[in-house]
Structure formats: C-alpha cells, structure tokens
Amino acid sequence: DGLTKAATLPISAGIVSQKHRYIEALTEYR
C-alpha cells in the first residue's frame, strides 16, 4: 500500500503482552 516504505513496524512486539486478548479477538472474528 506504500504505508511503510522504509520501516517494518514491529506490531508483534505490541501483541506479545496481549496474547489472551489476541486469541479472544480471533475467536470473535469467527
């Protein structure tokens, strides 16, 4: 999309401490 041209934003670093919420969000998606 061109939103990141120079950087790979470490989004996973923001998920690591929220694993339970991450799993719940995937469940709600279904």
mmCIF file of all heavy atoms, coordinates in Angstrom:
data_MODEL
# 
_entry.id   MODEL 
# 
loop_
_atom_site.group_PDB 
_atom_site.id 
_atom_site.type_symbol 
_atom_site.label_atom_id 
_atom_site.label_alt_id 
_atom_site.label_comp_id 
_atom_site.label_asym_id 
_atom_site.label_entity_id 
_atom_site.label_seq_id 
_atom_site.pdbx_PDB_ins_code 
_atom_site.Cartn_x 
_atom_site.Cartn_y 
_atom_site.Cartn_z 
_atom_site.occupancy 
_atom_site.B_iso_or_equiv 
_atom_site.pdbx_formal_charge 
_atom_site.auth_seq_id 
_atom_site.auth_comp_id 
_atom_site.auth_asym_id 
_atom_site.auth_atom_id 
_atom_site.pdbx_PDB_model_num 
ATOM 1   N N   . ASP A 1 1  ? 0.815   -1.216  0.000  1.00 0.00 ? 1  ASP A N   1 
ATOM 2   C CA  . ASP A 1 1  ? 0.000   0.000   0.000  1.00 0.00 ? 1  ASP A CA  1 
ATOM 3   C C   . ASP A 1 1  ? 0.847   1.264   0.000  1.00 0.00 ? 1  ASP A C   1 
ATOM 4   O O   . ASP A 1 1  ? 0.360   2.346   -0.288 1.00 0.00 ? 1  ASP A O   1 
ATOM 5   C CB  . ASP A 1 1  ? -0.914  -0.003  1.231  1.00 0.00 ? 1  ASP A CB  1 
ATOM 6   C CG  . ASP A 1 1  ? -1.844  1.192   1.269  1.00 0.00 ? 1  ASP A CG  1 
ATOM 7   O OD1 . ASP A 1 1  ? -2.774  1.235   0.456  1.00 0.00 ? 1  ASP A OD1 1 
ATOM 8   O OD2 . ASP A 1 1  ? -1.625  2.089   2.111  1.00 0.00 ? 1  ASP A OD2 1 
ATOM 9   N N   . GLY A 1 2  ? 2.143   1.123   0.313  1.00 0.00 ? 2  GLY A N   1 
ATOM 10  C CA  . GLY A 1 2  ? 3.026   2.289   0.384  1.00 0.00 ? 2  GLY A CA  1 
ATOM 11  C C   . GLY A 1 2  ? 3.011   2.965   1.731  1.00 0.00 ? 2  GLY A C   1 
ATOM 12  O O   . GLY A 1 2  ? 3.641   4.014   1.913  1.00 0.00 ? 2  GLY A O   1 
ATOM 13  N N   . LEU A 1 3  ? 2.292   2.385   2.700  1.00 0.00 ? 3  LEU A N   1 
ATOM 14  C CA  . LEU A 1 3  ? 2.242   2.990   4.031  1.00 0.00 ? 3  LEU A CA  1 
ATOM 15  C C   . LEU A 1 3  ? 3.590   2.867   4.724  1.00 0.00 ? 3  LEU A C   1 
ATOM 16  O O   . LEU A 1 3  ? 4.021   3.783   5.417  1.00 0.00 ? 3  LEU A O   1 
ATOM 17  C CB  . LEU A 1 3  ? 1.147   2.321   4.863  1.00 0.00 ? 3  LEU A CB  1 
ATOM 18  C CG  . LEU A 1 3  ? 0.864   2.919   6.240  1.00 0.00 ? 3  LEU A CG  1 
ATOM 19  C CD1 . LEU A 1 3  ? 0.567   4.406   6.142  1.00 0.00 ? 3  LEU A CD1 1 
ATOM 20  C CD2 . LEU A 1 3  ? -0.302  2.187   6.897  1.00 0.00 ? 3  LEU A CD2 1 
ATOM 21  N N   . THR A 1 4  ? 4.249   1.732   4.555  1.00 0.00 ? 4  THR A N   1 
ATOM 22  C CA  . THR A 1 4  ? 5.614   1.574   5.063  1.00 0.00 ? 4  THR A CA  1 
ATOM 23  C C   . THR A 1 4  ? 6.557   1.454   3.873  1.00 0.00 ? 4  THR A C   1 
ATOM 24  O O   . THR A 1 4  ? 6.477   0.500   3.107  1.00 0.00 ? 4  THR A O   1 
ATOM 25  C CB  . THR A 1 4  ? 5.741   0.329   5.962  1.00 0.00 ? 4  THR A CB  1 
ATOM 26  O OG1 . THR A 1 4  ? 5.330   -0.827  5.222  1.00 0.00 ? 4  THR A OG1 1 
ATOM 27  C CG2 . THR A 1 4  ? 4.879   0.462   7.201  1.00 0.00 ? 4  THR A CG2 1 
ATOM 28  N N   . LYS A 1 5  ? 7.429   2.426   3.728  1.00 0.00 ? 5  LYS A N   1 
ATOM 29  C CA  . LYS A 1 5  ? 8.414   2.409   2.645  1.00 0.00 ? 5  LYS A CA  1 
ATOM 30  C C   . LYS A 1 5  ? 9.805   2.087   3.168  1.00 0.00 ? 5  LYS A C   1 
ATOM 31  O O   . LYS A 1 5  ? 10.612  1.467   2.477  1.00 0.00 ? 5  LYS A O   1 
ATOM 32  C CB  . LYS A 1 5  ? 8.446   3.764   1.937  1.00 0.00 ? 5  LYS A CB  1 
ATOM 33  C CG  . LYS A 1 5  ? 7.149   4.168   1.265  1.00 0.00 ? 5  LYS A CG  1 
ATOM 34  C CD  . LYS A 1 5  ? 7.303   5.505   0.576  1.00 0.00 ? 5  LYS A CD  1 
ATOM 35  C CE  . LYS A 1 5  ? 6.026   5.927   -0.145 1.00 0.00 ? 5  LYS A CE  1 
ATOM 36  N NZ  . LYS A 1 5  ? 4.941   6.262   0.814  1.00 0.00 ? 5  LYS A NZ  1 
ATOM 37  N N   . ALA A 1 6  ? 10.097  2.534   4.399  1.00 0.00 ? 6  ALA A N   1 
ATOM 38  C CA  . ALA A 1 6  ? 11.445  2.378   4.948  1.00 0.00 ? 6  ALA A CA  1 
ATOM 39  C C   . ALA A 1 6  ? 11.492  1.499   6.183  1.00 0.00 ? 6  ALA A C   1 
ATOM 40  O O   . ALA A 1 6  ? 12.554  1.012   6.556  1.00 0.00 ? 6  ALA A O   1 
ATOM 41  C CB  . ALA A 1 6  ? 12.031  3.761   5.285  1.00 0.00 ? 6  ALA A CB  1 
ATOM 42  N N   . ALA A 1 7  ? 10.354  1.289   6.825  1.00 0.00 ? 7  ALA A N   1 
ATOM 43  C CA  . ALA A 1 7  ? 10.359  0.633   8.140  1.00 0.00 ? 7  ALA A CA  1 
ATOM 44  C C   . ALA A 1 7  ? 9.426   -0.565  8.171  1.00 0.00 ? 7  ALA A C   1 
ATOM 45  O O   . ALA A 1 7  ? 8.367   -0.552  7.547  1.00 0.00 ? 7  ALA A O   1 
ATOM 46  C CB  . ALA A 1 7  ? 9.949   1.619   9.226  1.00 0.00 ? 7  ALA A CB  1 
ATOM 47  N N   . THR A 1 8  ? 9.833   -1.587  8.895  1.00 0.00 ? 8  THR A N   1 
ATOM 48  C CA  . THR A 1 8  ? 8.962   -2.709  9.226  1.00 0.00 ? 8  THR A CA  1 
ATOM 49  C C   . THR A 1 8  ? 8.538   -2.510  10.677 1.00 0.00 ? 8  THR A C   1 
ATOM 50  O O   . THR A 1 8  ? 9.317   -2.737  11.602 1.00 0.00 ? 8  THR A O   1 
ATOM 51  C CB  . THR A 1 8  ? 9.694   -4.047  9.062  1.00 0.00 ? 8  THR A CB  1 
ATOM 52  O OG1 . THR A 1 8  ? 10.117  -4.177  7.698  1.00 0.00 ? 8  THR A OG1 1 
ATOM 53  C CG2 . THR A 1 8  ? 8.782   -5.213  9.429  1.00 0.00 ? 8  THR A CG2 1 
ATOM 54  N N   . LEU A 1 9  ? 7.325   -2.053  10.863 1.00 0.00 ? 9  LEU A N   1 
ATOM 55  C CA  . LEU A 1 9  ? 6.848   -1.744  12.206 1.00 0.00 ? 9  LEU A CA  1 
ATOM 56  C C   . LEU A 1 9  ? 6.712   -3.033  13.022 1.00 0.00 ? 9  LEU A C   1 
ATOM 57  O O   . LEU A 1 9  ? 6.046   -3.970  12.589 1.00 0.00 ? 9  LEU A O   1 
ATOM 58  C CB  . LEU A 1 9  ? 5.498   -1.041  12.131 1.00 0.00 ? 9  LEU A CB  1 
ATOM 59  C CG  . LEU A 1 9  ? 4.863   -0.669  13.473 1.00 0.00 ? 9  LEU A CG  1 
ATOM 60  C CD1 . LEU A 1 9  ? 5.709   0.370   14.182 1.00 0.00 ? 9  LEU A CD1 1 
ATOM 61  C CD2 . LEU A 1 9  ? 3.447   -0.174  13.260 1.00 0.00 ? 9  LEU A CD2 1 
ATOM 62  N N   . PRO A 1 10 ? 7.327   -3.109  14.192 1.00 0.00 ? 10 PRO A N   1 
ATOM 63  C CA  . PRO A 1 10 ? 7.253   -4.342  14.994 1.00 0.00 ? 10 PRO A CA  1 
ATOM 64  C C   . PRO A 1 10 ? 5.916   -4.493  15.718 1.00 0.00 ? 10 PRO A C   1 
ATOM 65  O O   . PRO A 1 10 ? 5.830   -4.440  16.949 1.00 0.00 ? 10 PRO A O   1 
ATOM 66  C CB  . PRO A 1 10 ? 8.422   -4.187  15.968 1.00 0.00 ? 10 PRO A CB  1 
ATOM 67  C CG  . PRO A 1 10 ? 8.598   -2.717  16.130 1.00 0.00 ? 10 PRO A CG  1 
ATOM 68  C CD  . PRO A 1 10 ? 8.247   -2.113  14.792 1.00 0.00 ? 10 PRO A CD  1 
ATOM 69  N N   . ILE A 1 11 ? 4.840   -4.704  14.929 1.00 0.00 ? 11 ILE A N   1 
ATOM 70  C CA  . ILE A 1 11 ? 3.500   -4.830  15.505 1.00 0.00 ? 11 ILE A CA  1 
ATOM 71  C C   . ILE A 1 11 ? 3.432   -5.992  16.487 1.00 0.00 ? 11 ILE A C   1 
ATOM 72  O O   . ILE A 1 11 ? 2.771   -5.910  17.530 1.00 0.00 ? 11 ILE A O   1 
ATOM 73  C CB  . ILE A 1 11 ? 2.460   -4.998  14.386 1.00 0.00 ? 11 ILE A CB  1 
ATOM 74  C CG1 . ILE A 1 11 ? 2.412   -3.742  13.510 1.00 0.00 ? 11 ILE A CG1 1 
ATOM 75  C CG2 . ILE A 1 11 ? 1.070   -5.280  14.961 1.00 0.00 ? 11 ILE A CG2 1 
ATOM 76  C CD1 . ILE A 1 11 ? 1.496   -3.860  12.307 1.00 0.00 ? 11 ILE A CD1 1 
ATOM 77  N N   . SER A 1 12 ? 4.126   -7.074  16.166 1.00 0.00 ? 12 SER A N   1 
ATOM 78  C CA  . SER A 1 12 ? 4.086   -8.243  17.054 1.00 0.00 ? 12 SER A CA  1 
ATOM 79  C C   . SER A 1 12 ? 4.622   -7.924  18.440 1.00 0.00 ? 12 SER A C   1 
ATOM 80  O O   . SER A 1 12 ? 4.211   -8.538  19.432 1.00 0.00 ? 12 SER A O   1 
ATOM 81  C CB  . SER A 1 12 ? 4.872   -9.399  16.442 1.00 0.00 ? 12 SER A CB  1 
ATOM 82  O OG  . SER A 1 12 ? 4.277   -9.830  15.236 1.00 0.00 ? 12 SER A OG  1 
ATOM 83  N N   . ALA A 1 13 ? 5.547   -6.965  18.505 1.00 0.00 ? 13 ALA A N   1 
ATOM 84  C CA  . ALA A 1 13 ? 6.069   -6.563  19.816 1.00 0.00 ? 13 ALA A CA  1 
ATOM 85  C C   . ALA A 1 13 ? 4.982   -5.943  20.674 1.00 0.00 ? 13 ALA A C   1 
ATOM 86  O O   . ALA A 1 13 ? 5.064   -5.970  21.905 1.00 0.00 ? 13 ALA A O   1 
ATOM 87  C CB  . ALA A 1 13 ? 7.232   -5.582  19.636 1.00 0.00 ? 13 ALA A CB  1 
ATOM 88  N N   . GLY A 1 14 ? 3.948   -5.390  20.036 1.00 0.00 ? 14 GLY A N   1 
ATOM 89  C CA  . GLY A 1 14 ? 2.825   -4.850  20.778 1.00 0.00 ? 14 GLY A CA  1 
ATOM 90  C C   . GLY A 1 14 ? 1.775   -5.895  21.117 1.00 0.00 ? 14 GLY A C   1 
ATOM 91  O O   . GLY A 1 14 ? 0.888   -5.642  21.937 1.00 0.00 ? 14 GLY A O   1 
ATOM 92  N N   . ILE A 1 15 ? 1.860   -7.071  20.484 1.00 0.00 ? 15 ILE A N   1 
ATOM 93  C CA  . ILE A 1 15 ? 0.896   -8.145  20.745 1.00 0.00 ? 15 ILE A CA  1 
ATOM 94  C C   . ILE A 1 15 ? 1.385   -9.080  21.839 1.00 0.00 ? 15 ILE A C   1 
ATOM 95  O O   . ILE A 1 15 ? 0.575   -9.687  22.555 1.00 0.00 ? 15 ILE A O   1 
ATOM 96  C CB  . ILE A 1 15 ? 0.628   -8.941  19.448 1.00 0.00 ? 15 ILE A CB  1 
ATOM 97  C CG1 . ILE A 1 15 ? -0.021  -8.040  18.387 1.00 0.00 ? 15 ILE A CG1 1 
ATOM 98  C CG2 . ILE A 1 15 ? -0.248  -10.161 19.706 1.00 0.00 ? 15 ILE A CG2 1 
ATOM 99  C CD1 . ILE A 1 15 ? -0.227  -8.719  17.041 1.00 0.00 ? 15 ILE A CD1 1 
ATOM 100 N N   . VAL A 1 16 ? 2.707   -9.195  21.991 1.00 0.00 ? 16 VAL A N   1 
ATOM 101 C CA  . VAL A 1 16 ? 3.286   -10.192 22.894 1.00 0.00 ? 16 VAL A CA  1 
ATOM 102 C C   . VAL A 1 16 ? 2.655   -10.168 24.277 1.00 0.00 ? 16 VAL A C   1 
ATOM 103 O O   . VAL A 1 16 ? 2.336   -11.219 24.851 1.00 0.00 ? 16 VAL A O   1 
ATOM 104 C CB  . VAL A 1 16 ? 4.818   -9.997  23.007 1.00 0.00 ? 16 VAL A CB  1 
ATOM 105 C CG1 . VAL A 1 16 ? 5.385   -10.809 24.147 1.00 0.00 ? 16 VAL A CG1 1 
ATOM 106 C CG2 . VAL A 1 16 ? 5.502   -10.397 21.711 1.00 0.00 ? 16 VAL A CG2 1 
ATOM 107 N N   . SER A 1 17 ? 2.459   -8.980  24.817 1.00 0.00 ? 17 SER A N   1 
ATOM 108 C CA  . SER A 1 17 ? 1.918   -8.864  26.177 1.00 0.00 ? 17 SER A CA  1 
ATOM 109 C C   . SER A 1 17 ? 0.398   -8.965  26.216 1.00 0.00 ? 17 SER A C   1 
ATOM 110 O O   . SER A 1 17 ? -0.206  -8.867  27.285 1.00 0.00 ? 17 SER A O   1 
ATOM 111 C CB  . SER A 1 17 ? 2.355   -7.538  26.808 1.00 0.00 ? 17 SER A CB  1 
ATOM 112 O OG  . SER A 1 17 ? 1.801   -6.447  26.093 1.00 0.00 ? 17 SER A OG  1 
ATOM 113 N N   . GLN A 1 18 ? -0.242  -9.146  25.040 1.00 0.00 ? 18 GLN A N   1 
ATOM 114 C CA  . GLN A 1 18 ? -1.702  -9.205  24.970 1.00 0.00 ? 18 GLN A CA  1 
ATOM 115 C C   . GLN A 1 18 ? -2.168  -10.497 24.282 1.00 0.00 ? 18 GLN A C   1 
ATOM 116 O O   . GLN A 1 18 ? -3.162  -10.495 23.555 1.00 0.00 ? 18 GLN A O   1 
ATOM 117 C CB  . GLN A 1 18 ? -2.248  -8.006  24.183 1.00 0.00 ? 18 GLN A CB  1 
ATOM 118 C CG  . GLN A 1 18 ? -1.813  -6.655  24.717 1.00 0.00 ? 18 GLN A CG  1 
ATOM 119 C CD  . GLN A 1 18 ? -2.441  -5.521  23.936 1.00 0.00 ? 18 GLN A CD  1 
ATOM 120 O OE1 . GLN A 1 18 ? -3.621  -5.205  24.077 1.00 0.00 ? 18 GLN A OE1 1 
ATOM 121 N NE2 . GLN A 1 18 ? -1.655  -4.903  23.074 1.00 0.00 ? 18 GLN A NE2 1 
ATOM 122 N N   . LYS A 1 19 ? -1.468  -11.589 24.519 1.00 0.00 ? 19 LYS A N   1 
ATOM 123 C CA  . LYS A 1 19 ? -1.770  -12.829 23.812 1.00 0.00 ? 19 LYS A CA  1 
ATOM 124 C C   . LYS A 1 19 ? -3.204  -13.312 24.070 1.00 0.00 ? 19 LYS A C   1 
ATOM 125 O O   . LYS A 1 19 ? -3.878  -13.790 23.153 1.00 0.00 ? 19 LYS A O   1 
ATOM 126 C CB  . LYS A 1 19 ? -0.761  -13.911 24.196 1.00 0.00 ? 19 LYS A CB  1 
ATOM 127 C CG  . LYS A 1 19 ? 0.613   -13.701 23.584 1.00 0.00 ? 19 LYS A CG  1 
ATOM 128 C CD  . LYS A 1 19 ? 1.621   -14.695 24.121 1.00 0.00 ? 19 LYS A CD  1 
ATOM 129 C CE  . LYS A 1 19 ? 1.257   -16.123 23.838 1.00 0.00 ? 19 LYS A CE  1 
ATOM 130 N NZ  . LYS A 1 19 ? 2.323   -17.074 24.251 1.00 0.00 ? 19 LYS A NZ  1 
ATOM 131 N N   . HIS A 1 20 ? -3.660  -13.191 25.313 1.00 0.00 ? 20 HIS A N   1 
ATOM 132 C CA  . HIS A 1 20 ? -5.016  -13.649 25.624 1.00 0.00 ? 20 HIS A CA  1 
ATOM 133 C C   . HIS A 1 20 ? -6.052  -12.836 24.852 1.00 0.00 ? 20 HIS A C   1 
ATOM 134 O O   . HIS A 1 20 ? -7.000  -13.397 24.264 1.00 0.00 ? 20 HIS A O   1 
ATOM 135 C CB  . HIS A 1 20 ? -5.277  -13.556 27.130 1.00 0.00 ? 20 HIS A CB  1 
ATOM 136 C CG  . HIS A 1 20 ? -6.632  -14.042 27.541 1.00 0.00 ? 20 HIS A CG  1 
ATOM 137 N ND1 . HIS A 1 20 ? -6.982  -15.373 27.507 1.00 0.00 ? 20 HIS A ND1 1 
ATOM 138 C CD2 . HIS A 1 20 ? -7.740  -13.362 27.971 1.00 0.00 ? 20 HIS A CD2 1 
ATOM 139 C CE1 . HIS A 1 20 ? -8.244  -15.501 27.905 1.00 0.00 ? 20 HIS A CE1 1 
ATOM 140 N NE2 . HIS A 1 20 ? -8.720  -14.313 28.195 1.00 0.00 ? 20 HIS A NE2 1 
ATOM 141 N N   . ARG A 1 21 ? -5.871  -11.517 24.827 1.00 0.00 ? 21 ARG A N   1 
ATOM 142 C CA  . ARG A 1 21 ? -6.786  -10.665 24.078 1.00 0.00 ? 21 ARG A CA  1 
ATOM 143 C C   . ARG A 1 21 ? -6.702  -10.963 22.577 1.00 0.00 ? 21 ARG A C   1 
ATOM 144 O O   . ARG A 1 21 ? -7.721  -10.937 21.868 1.00 0.00 ? 21 ARG A O   1 
ATOM 145 C CB  . ARG A 1 21 ? -6.436  -9.195  24.343 1.00 0.00 ? 21 ARG A CB  1 
ATOM 146 C CG  . ARG A 1 21 ? -7.347  -8.206  23.640 1.00 0.00 ? 21 ARG A CG  1 
ATOM 147 C CD  . ARG A 1 21 ? -6.882  -6.782  23.874 1.00 0.00 ? 21 ARG A CD  1 
ATOM 148 N NE  . ARG A 1 21 ? -7.608  -5.850  23.022 1.00 0.00 ? 21 ARG A NE  1 
ATOM 149 C CZ  . ARG A 1 21 ? -7.221  -4.605  22.779 1.00 0.00 ? 21 ARG A CZ  1 
ATOM 150 N NH1 . ARG A 1 21 ? -6.113  -4.134  23.351 1.00 0.00 ? 21 ARG A NH1 1 
ATOM 151 N NH2 . ARG A 1 21 ? -7.929  -3.822  21.989 1.00 0.00 ? 21 ARG A NH2 1 
ATOM 152 N N   . TYR A 1 22 ? -5.528  -11.255 22.083 1.00 0.00 ? 22 TYR A N   1 
ATOM 153 C CA  . TYR A 1 22 ? -5.311  -11.609 20.685 1.00 0.00 ? 22 TYR A CA  1 
ATOM 154 C C   . TYR A 1 22 ? -6.117  -12.855 20.323 1.00 0.00 ? 22 TYR A C   1 
ATOM 155 O O   . TYR A 1 22 ? -6.833  -12.886 19.310 1.00 0.00 ? 22 TYR A O   1 
ATOM 156 C CB  . TYR A 1 22 ? -3.813  -11.835 20.486 1.00 0.00 ? 22 TYR A CB  1 
ATOM 157 C CG  . TYR A 1 22 ? -3.357  -12.316 19.130 1.00 0.00 ? 22 TYR A CG  1 
ATOM 158 C CD1 . TYR A 1 22 ? -3.638  -11.621 17.967 1.00 0.00 ? 22 TYR A CD1 1 
ATOM 159 C CD2 . TYR A 1 22 ? -2.579  -13.469 19.032 1.00 0.00 ? 22 TYR A CD2 1 
ATOM 160 C CE1 . TYR A 1 22 ? -3.168  -12.059 16.736 1.00 0.00 ? 22 TYR A CE1 1 
ATOM 161 C CE2 . TYR A 1 22 ? -2.105  -13.917 17.814 1.00 0.00 ? 22 TYR A CE2 1 
ATOM 162 C CZ  . TYR A 1 22 ? -2.403  -13.215 16.660 1.00 0.00 ? 22 TYR A CZ  1 
ATOM 163 O OH  . TYR A 1 22 ? -1.930  -13.651 15.456 1.00 0.00 ? 22 TYR A OH  1 
ATOM 164 N N   . ILE A 1 23 ? -6.046  -13.869 21.155 1.00 0.00 ? 23 ILE A N   1 
ATOM 165 C CA  . ILE A 1 23 ? -6.785  -15.109 20.905 1.00 0.00 ? 23 ILE A CA  1 
ATOM 166 C C   . ILE A 1 23 ? -8.291  -14.847 20.968 1.00 0.00 ? 23 ILE A C   1 
ATOM 167 O O   . ILE A 1 23 ? -9.061  -15.359 20.138 1.00 0.00 ? 23 ILE A O   1 
ATOM 168 C CB  . ILE A 1 23 ? -6.361  -16.187 21.920 1.00 0.00 ? 23 ILE A CB  1 
ATOM 169 C CG1 . ILE A 1 23 ? -4.903  -16.593 21.657 1.00 0.00 ? 23 ILE A CG1 1 
ATOM 170 C CG2 . ILE A 1 23 ? -7.269  -17.405 21.828 1.00 0.00 ? 23 ILE A CG2 1 
ATOM 171 C CD1 . ILE A 1 23 ? -4.295  -17.426 22.759 1.00 0.00 ? 23 ILE A CD1 1 
ATOM 172 N N   . GLU A 1 24 ? -8.730  -14.042 21.921 1.00 0.00 ? 24 GLU A N   1 
ATOM 173 C CA  . GLU A 1 24 ? -10.154 -13.706 22.020 1.00 0.00 ? 24 GLU A CA  1 
ATOM 174 C C   . GLU A 1 24 ? -10.635 -12.964 20.773 1.00 0.00 ? 24 GLU A C   1 
ATOM 175 O O   . GLU A 1 24 ? -11.745 -13.204 20.284 1.00 0.00 ? 24 GLU A O   1 
ATOM 176 C CB  . GLU A 1 24 ? -10.406 -12.856 23.259 1.00 0.00 ? 24 GLU A CB  1 
ATOM 177 C CG  . GLU A 1 24 ? -10.371 -13.623 24.572 1.00 0.00 ? 24 GLU A CG  1 
ATOM 178 C CD  . GLU A 1 24 ? -10.745 -12.739 25.753 1.00 0.00 ? 24 GLU A CD  1 
ATOM 179 O OE1 . GLU A 1 24 ? -10.659 -11.502 25.617 1.00 0.00 ? 24 GLU A OE1 1 
ATOM 180 O OE2 . GLU A 1 24 ? -11.132 -13.290 26.801 1.00 0.00 ? 24 GLU A OE2 1 
ATOM 181 N N   . ALA A 1 25 ? -9.797  -12.055 20.258 1.00 0.00 ? 25 ALA A N   1 
ATOM 182 C CA  . ALA A 1 25 ? -10.185 -11.289 19.069 1.00 0.00 ? 25 ALA A CA  1 
ATOM 183 C C   . ALA A 1 25 ? -10.315 -12.202 17.851 1.00 0.00 ? 25 ALA A C   1 
ATOM 184 O O   . ALA A 1 25 ? -11.218 -12.025 17.021 1.00 0.00 ? 25 ALA A O   1 
ATOM 185 C CB  . ALA A 1 25 ? -9.157  -10.189 18.803 1.00 0.00 ? 25 ALA A CB  1 
ATOM 186 N N   . LEU A 1 26 ? -9.434  -13.186 17.732 1.00 0.00 ? 26 LEU A N   1 
ATOM 187 C CA  . LEU A 1 26 ? -9.544  -14.143 16.629 1.00 0.00 ? 26 LEU A CA  1 
ATOM 188 C C   . LEU A 1 26 ? -10.823 -14.971 16.765 1.00 0.00 ? 26 LEU A C   1 
ATOM 189 O O   . LEU A 1 26 ? -11.474 -15.285 15.764 1.00 0.00 ? 26 LEU A O   1 
ATOM 190 C CB  . LEU A 1 26 ? -8.317  -15.059 16.604 1.00 0.00 ? 26 LEU A CB  1 
ATOM 191 C CG  . LEU A 1 26 ? -6.991  -14.390 16.235 1.00 0.00 ? 26 LEU A CG  1 
ATOM 192 C CD1 . LEU A 1 26 ? -5.835  -15.372 16.389 1.00 0.00 ? 26 LEU A CD1 1 
ATOM 193 C CD2 . LEU A 1 26 ? -7.030  -13.831 14.812 1.00 0.00 ? 26 LEU A CD2 1 
ATOM 194 N N   . THR A 1 27 ? -11.187 -15.311 17.997 1.00 0.00 ? 27 THR A N   1 
ATOM 195 C CA  . THR A 1 27 ? -12.423 -16.051 18.232 1.00 0.00 ? 27 THR A CA  1 
ATOM 196 C C   . THR A 1 27 ? -13.641 -15.212 17.843 1.00 0.00 ? 27 THR A C   1 
ATOM 197 O O   . THR A 1 27 ? -14.585 -15.707 17.203 1.00 0.00 ? 27 THR A O   1 
ATOM 198 C CB  . THR A 1 27 ? -12.523 -16.466 19.707 1.00 0.00 ? 27 THR A CB  1 
ATOM 199 O OG1 . THR A 1 27 ? -11.395 -17.283 20.041 1.00 0.00 ? 27 THR A OG1 1 
ATOM 200 C CG2 . THR A 1 27 ? -13.799 -17.240 19.981 1.00 0.00 ? 27 THR A CG2 1 
ATOM 201 N N   . GLU A 1 28 ? -13.641 -13.922 18.207 1.00 0.00 ? 28 GLU A N   1 
ATOM 202 C CA  . GLU A 1 28 ? -14.752 -13.051 17.860 1.00 0.00 ? 28 GLU A CA  1 
ATOM 203 C C   . GLU A 1 28 ? -14.843 -12.834 16.355 1.00 0.00 ? 28 GLU A C   1 
ATOM 204 O O   . GLU A 1 28 ? -15.946 -12.673 15.807 1.00 0.00 ? 28 GLU A O   1 
ATOM 205 C CB  . GLU A 1 28 ? -14.615 -11.719 18.601 1.00 0.00 ? 28 GLU A CB  1 
ATOM 206 C CG  . GLU A 1 28 ? -14.816 -11.861 20.112 1.00 0.00 ? 28 GLU A CG  1 
ATOM 207 C CD  . GLU A 1 28 ? -14.710 -10.537 20.843 1.00 0.00 ? 28 GLU A CD  1 
ATOM 208 O OE1 . GLU A 1 28 ? -15.703 -9.795  20.813 1.00 0.00 ? 28 GLU A OE1 1 
ATOM 209 O OE2 . GLU A 1 28 ? -13.642 -10.267 21.419 1.00 0.00 ? 28 GLU A OE2 1 
ATOM 210 N N   . TYR A 1 29 ? -13.694 -12.838 15.688 1.00 0.00 ? 29 TYR A N   1 
ATOM 211 C CA  . TYR A 1 29 ? -13.717 -12.718 14.227 1.00 0.00 ? 29 TYR A CA  1 
ATOM 212 C C   . TYR A 1 29 ? -14.513 -13.867 13.618 1.00 0.00 ? 29 TYR A C   1 
ATOM 213 O O   . TYR A 1 29 ? -15.315 -13.666 12.693 1.00 0.00 ? 29 TYR A O   1 
ATOM 214 C CB  . TYR A 1 29 ? -12.294 -12.718 13.667 1.00 0.00 ? 29 TYR A CB  1 
ATOM 215 C CG  . TYR A 1 29 ? -12.288 -12.736 12.151 1.00 0.00 ? 29 TYR A CG  1 
ATOM 216 C CD1 . TYR A 1 29 ? -12.455 -11.565 11.432 1.00 0.00 ? 29 TYR A CD1 1 
ATOM 217 C CD2 . TYR A 1 29 ? -12.162 -13.929 11.446 1.00 0.00 ? 29 TYR A CD2 1 
ATOM 218 C CE1 . TYR A 1 29 ? -12.496 -11.574 10.041 1.00 0.00 ? 29 TYR A CE1 1 
ATOM 219 C CE2 . TYR A 1 29 ? -12.200 -13.955 10.063 1.00 0.00 ? 29 TYR A CE2 1 
ATOM 220 C CZ  . TYR A 1 29 ? -12.366 -12.777 9.354  1.00 0.00 ? 29 TYR A CZ  1 
ATOM 221 O OH  . TYR A 1 29 ? -12.421 -12.794 7.985  1.00 0.00 ? 29 TYR A OH  1 
ATOM 222 N N   . ARG A 1 30 ? -14.308 -15.062 14.144 1.00 0.00 ? 30 ARG A N   1 
ATOM 223 C CA  . ARG A 1 30 ? -15.010 -16.226 13.590 1.00 0.00 ? 30 ARG A CA  1 
ATOM 224 C C   . ARG A 1 30 ? -16.521 -16.134 13.788 1.00 0.00 ? 30 ARG A C   1 
ATOM 225 O O   . ARG A 1 30 ? -17.284 -16.779 13.088 1.00 0.00 ? 30 ARG A O   1 
ATOM 226 C CB  . ARG A 1 30 ? -14.459 -17.514 14.214 1.00 0.00 ? 30 ARG A CB  1 
ATOM 227 C CG  . ARG A 1 30 ? -12.981 -17.735 13.916 1.00 0.00 ? 30 ARG A CG  1 
ATOM 228 C CD  . ARG A 1 30 ? -12.560 -19.160 14.198 1.00 0.00 ? 30 ARG A CD  1 
ATOM 229 N NE  . ARG A 1 30 ? -12.567 -19.501 15.603 1.00 0.00 ? 30 ARG A NE  1 
ATOM 230 C CZ  . ARG A 1 30 ? -11.520 -19.421 16.411 1.00 0.00 ? 30 ARG A CZ  1 
ATOM 231 N NH1 . ARG A 1 30 ? -10.345 -18.986 15.930 1.00 0.00 ? 30 ARG A NH1 1 
ATOM 232 N NH2 . ARG A 1 30 ? -11.608 -19.775 17.676 1.00 0.00 ? 30 ARG A NH2 1 
# 
